[in-house]
Amino acid sequence: VELSILPSRKGTVPFSAKLYAKPHQQYRLDAYGFASSIAASYLWKEGHWTLLLNDRKESWEGEGDSLNLAIAALNIPDVHAVLGFLWGEILPGFRVRDDSTLSWSGDTLRWSSHGTKWAARFDAITGNCEEVSTSNGSLAFKYAKHQRFDTRVLPGEVEVFVNGASMLALRITGMDTHPTWKKNPFAL
């Protein structure tokens, strides 16, 4: 997936990125700098992550499901929730929801996953999901510009909020749902 990423912090420059994903197994996000060179790479695999900053020749490693890019002032608490819309999982944690927590009220669906309460609001006419958030406001998404990708209708743009503050916007600029890779994209 080719993305345009627009961080919300003042003075932070938008950048383009390419994401390779095997959902819930491994992700690699390459951020492109000047002249299309890879400025940074983030690899997440089974709870372990590695961040490489090529221009600084620095690397960091850690554990967990967060996307914490201190250099770009990005701290996203759940990488699966942020990226899930790209493969059709616009409702974070819904596939592993707690039993008996599902409820529907008007245009809003509510559920709980691993103790986190979520709510999603849908457009009554199109059926598209417009917003998803945790009940405590720690993580929220606003979905927009829905479009057809292969056989699915997905949001073309997602704004991510952490603790009520806009952190970044992700825009899909290209998607290959059945890529053929000449080499393993998950090898850094």
Protein backbone atom coordinates (compact mmCIF):
# COMPACT_ATOMS: atom_id res chain seq x y z
CA VAL A 1 0.00 0.00 0.00
CA GLU A 2 1.30 3.44 -0.87
CA LEU A 3 0.41 6.12 1.66
CA SER A 4 0.70 9.83 2.15
CA ILE A 5 1.23 10.58 5.85
CA LEU A 6 0.48 14.01 7.24
CA PRO A 7 1.59 14.42 10.87
CA SER A 8 -0.45 17.04 12.74
CA ARG A 9 2.40 18.46 14.82
CA LYS A 10 3.45 21.94 13.68
CA GLY A 11 6.70 21.99 11.77
CA THR A 12 6.51 18.29 10.82
CA VAL A 13 6.72 17.67 7.11
CA PRO A 14 4.28 15.31 5.32
CA PHE A 15 5.92 12.27 3.78
CA SER A 16 5.11 9.32 1.60
CA ALA A 17 5.41 5.73 2.72
CA LYS A 18 4.96 2.20 1.52
CA LEU A 19 3.41 -0.42 3.77
CA TYR A 20 3.88 -4.15 3.40
CA ALA A 21 1.54 -6.17 5.59
CA LYS A 22 0.57 -9.63 6.64
CA PRO A 23 -2.26 -8.56 8.97
CA HIS A 24 -1.65 -9.29 12.65
CA GLN A 25 1.60 -11.10 11.77
CA GLN A 26 4.07 -8.55 10.43
CA TYR A 27 4.22 -5.03 9.01
CA ARG A 28 6.92 -2.98 7.40
CA LEU A 29 6.51 0.74 6.81
CA ASP A 30 9.15 2.50 4.70
CA ALA A 31 9.10 6.31 4.95
CA TYR A 32 10.52 8.09 1.93
CA GLY A 33 12.67 11.20 2.12
CA PHE A 34 14.12 13.46 -0.51
CA ALA A 35 14.74 11.94 -3.94
CA SER A 36 12.65 8.84 -3.12
CA SER A 37 15.26 7.28 -0.84
CA ILE A 38 14.09 5.33 2.20
CA ALA A 39 14.62 7.68 5.15
CA ALA A 40 13.28 5.31 7.80
CA SER A 41 11.84 1.82 8.14
CA TYR A 42 9.59 0.43 10.86
CA LEU A 43 9.21 -3.34 11.14
CA TRP A 44 6.71 -4.98 13.51
CA LYS A 45 6.60 -8.75 13.85
CA GLU A 46 4.71 -10.71 16.50
CA GLY A 47 5.02 -8.03 19.17
CA HIS A 48 8.63 -7.03 18.44
CA TRP A 49 9.50 -3.86 16.52
CA THR A 50 12.59 -2.35 14.93
CA LEU A 51 12.98 1.25 13.77
CA LEU A 52 15.80 2.17 11.39
CA LEU A 53 16.70 5.78 10.61
CA ASN A 54 18.84 5.45 7.52
CA ASP A 55 20.03 9.07 7.27
CA ARG A 56 21.19 9.04 10.91
CA LYS A 57 22.41 5.43 10.81
CA GLU A 58 20.49 4.72 14.01
CA SER A 59 18.24 1.86 15.05
CA TRP A 60 15.96 1.06 17.98
CA GLU A 61 14.14 -2.07 19.04
CA GLY A 62 11.26 -2.68 21.40
CA GLU A 63 8.31 -4.83 22.35
CA GLY A 64 4.58 -4.24 22.08
CA ASP A 65 1.88 -3.25 19.64
CA SER A 66 2.49 0.48 19.63
CA LEU A 67 3.92 2.56 16.80
CA ASN A 68 6.20 4.89 18.72
CA LEU A 69 8.27 7.08 16.44
CA ALA A 70 9.75 9.59 18.86
CA ILE A 71 11.70 11.26 16.05
CA ALA A 72 8.44 12.19 14.32
CA ALA A 73 6.58 12.79 17.62
CA LEU A 74 4.20 9.96 16.78
CA ASN A 75 2.98 7.68 19.53
CA ILE A 76 0.17 5.46 18.32
CA PRO A 77 -0.97 3.00 21.00
CA ASP A 78 -2.16 0.17 18.71
CA VAL A 79 -0.56 -0.51 15.31
CA HIS A 80 -3.29 -3.03 14.39
CA ALA A 81 -6.07 -0.50 15.01
CA VAL A 82 -4.36 2.22 12.98
CA LEU A 83 -3.49 0.08 9.97
CA GLY A 84 -6.47 -2.31 10.01
CA PHE A 85 -8.59 -0.17 7.68
CA LEU A 86 -6.16 -1.03 4.88
CA TRP A 87 -7.34 -4.65 4.78
CA GLY A 88 -10.95 -4.00 5.74
CA GLU A 89 -10.77 -4.11 9.56
CA ILE A 90 -12.20 -0.67 10.23
CA LEU A 91 -13.53 -1.76 13.63
CA PRO A 92 -10.49 -2.26 15.89
CA GLY A 93 -10.68 -5.35 18.07
CA PHE A 94 -14.02 -6.39 16.60
CA ARG A 95 -12.78 -9.78 15.38
CA VAL A 96 -11.67 -10.65 18.94
CA ARG A 97 -14.50 -8.92 20.78
CA ASP A 98 -15.59 -9.91 24.26
CA ASP A 99 -18.72 -12.06 24.35
CA SER A 100 -22.06 -10.37 25.05
CA THR A 101 -20.74 -6.82 24.56
CA LEU A 102 -22.19 -6.20 21.11
CA SER A 103 -24.98 -3.60 20.95
CA TRP A 104 -26.55 -1.48 18.21
CA SER A 105 -28.26 1.85 18.85
CA GLY A 106 -29.43 3.98 15.92
CA ASP A 107 -26.33 4.54 13.79
CA THR A 108 -23.84 3.41 16.47
CA LEU A 109 -22.35 -0.02 17.10
CA ARG A 110 -20.68 -0.74 20.45
CA TRP A 111 -18.42 -3.63 21.50
CA SER A 112 -15.59 -4.43 23.86
CA SER A 113 -12.29 -6.12 23.06
CA HIS A 114 -9.91 -7.25 25.81
CA GLY A 115 -11.65 -4.85 28.20
CA THR A 116 -11.44 -1.82 25.88
CA LYS A 117 -14.83 -0.38 24.98
CA TRP A 118 -15.27 0.79 21.39
CA ALA A 119 -18.01 2.61 19.49
CA ALA A 120 -18.43 3.07 15.73
CA ARG A 121 -20.78 5.48 13.98
CA PHE A 122 -22.09 4.66 10.50
CA ASP A 123 -23.63 6.79 7.76
CA ALA A 124 -27.32 5.85 7.63
CA ILE A 125 -27.50 6.14 3.83
CA THR A 126 -24.24 4.61 2.56
CA GLY A 127 -23.54 2.26 5.47
CA ASN A 128 -19.93 3.44 5.53
CA CYS A 129 -18.21 3.70 8.90
CA GLU A 130 -17.44 7.36 9.64
CA GLU A 131 -15.91 7.29 13.14
CA VAL A 132 -14.53 4.76 15.62
CA SER A 133 -13.32 5.55 19.13
CA THR A 134 -12.55 4.07 22.51
CA SER A 135 -14.94 5.06 25.29
CA ASN A 136 -12.14 6.84 27.18
CA GLY A 137 -11.04 8.83 24.11
CA SER A 138 -7.50 7.44 24.09
CA LEU A 139 -7.75 6.42 20.43
CA ALA A 140 -10.16 7.53 17.70
CA PHE A 141 -10.40 7.45 13.91
CA LYS A 142 -12.35 9.56 11.44
CA TYR A 143 -12.81 7.80 8.12
CA ALA A 144 -13.44 9.72 4.89
CA LYS A 145 -13.27 9.52 1.10
CA HIS A 146 -14.47 5.92 0.87
CA GLN A 147 -13.59 4.27 -2.42
CA ARG A 148 -13.49 0.89 -4.05
CA PHE A 149 -10.23 -1.04 -3.80
CA ASP A 150 -10.41 -4.39 -5.57
CA THR A 151 -13.66 -5.92 -4.23
CA ARG A 152 -13.92 -3.80 -1.06
CA VAL A 153 -15.01 -0.28 -0.22
CA LEU A 154 -12.45 1.22 2.16
CA PRO A 155 -11.80 4.67 3.54
CA GLY A 156 -9.27 6.46 1.36
CA GLU A 157 -8.37 8.79 4.21
CA VAL A 158 -8.12 8.27 7.97
CA GLU A 159 -7.41 10.87 10.63
CA VAL A 160 -5.96 9.39 13.83
CA PHE A 161 -6.57 10.99 17.23
CA VAL A 162 -4.69 10.07 20.41
CA ASN A 163 -6.14 11.38 23.69
CA GLY A 164 -8.35 13.76 21.72
CA ALA A 165 -5.52 15.38 19.75
CA SER A 166 -5.11 14.83 16.02
CA MET A 167 -1.85 12.94 15.48
CA LEU A 168 -1.81 12.28 11.74
CA ALA A 169 -3.79 11.66 8.61
CA LEU A 170 -3.21 8.66 6.35
CA ARG A 171 -4.20 8.79 2.69
CA ILE A 172 -4.09 5.81 0.36
CA THR A 173 -2.33 6.79 -2.84
CA GLY A 174 -2.01 3.29 -4.30
CA MET A 175 -2.82 -0.29 -3.39
CA ASP A 176 -1.84 -3.68 -4.73
CA THR A 177 -3.96 -6.33 -3.05
CA HIS A 178 -2.10 -9.28 -4.62
CA PRO A 179 1.52 -8.17 -4.87
CA THR A 180 4.31 -10.28 -6.25
CA TRP A 181 7.49 -9.52 -4.34
CA LYS A 182 10.85 -10.10 -5.98
CA LYS A 183 12.43 -10.23 -2.54
CA ASN A 184 11.17 -10.52 1.01
CA PRO A 185 9.89 -7.02 1.90
CA PHE A 186 10.06 -7.84 5.62
CA ALA A 187 13.84 -8.22 5.59
CA LEU A 188 15.49 -4.98 6.67
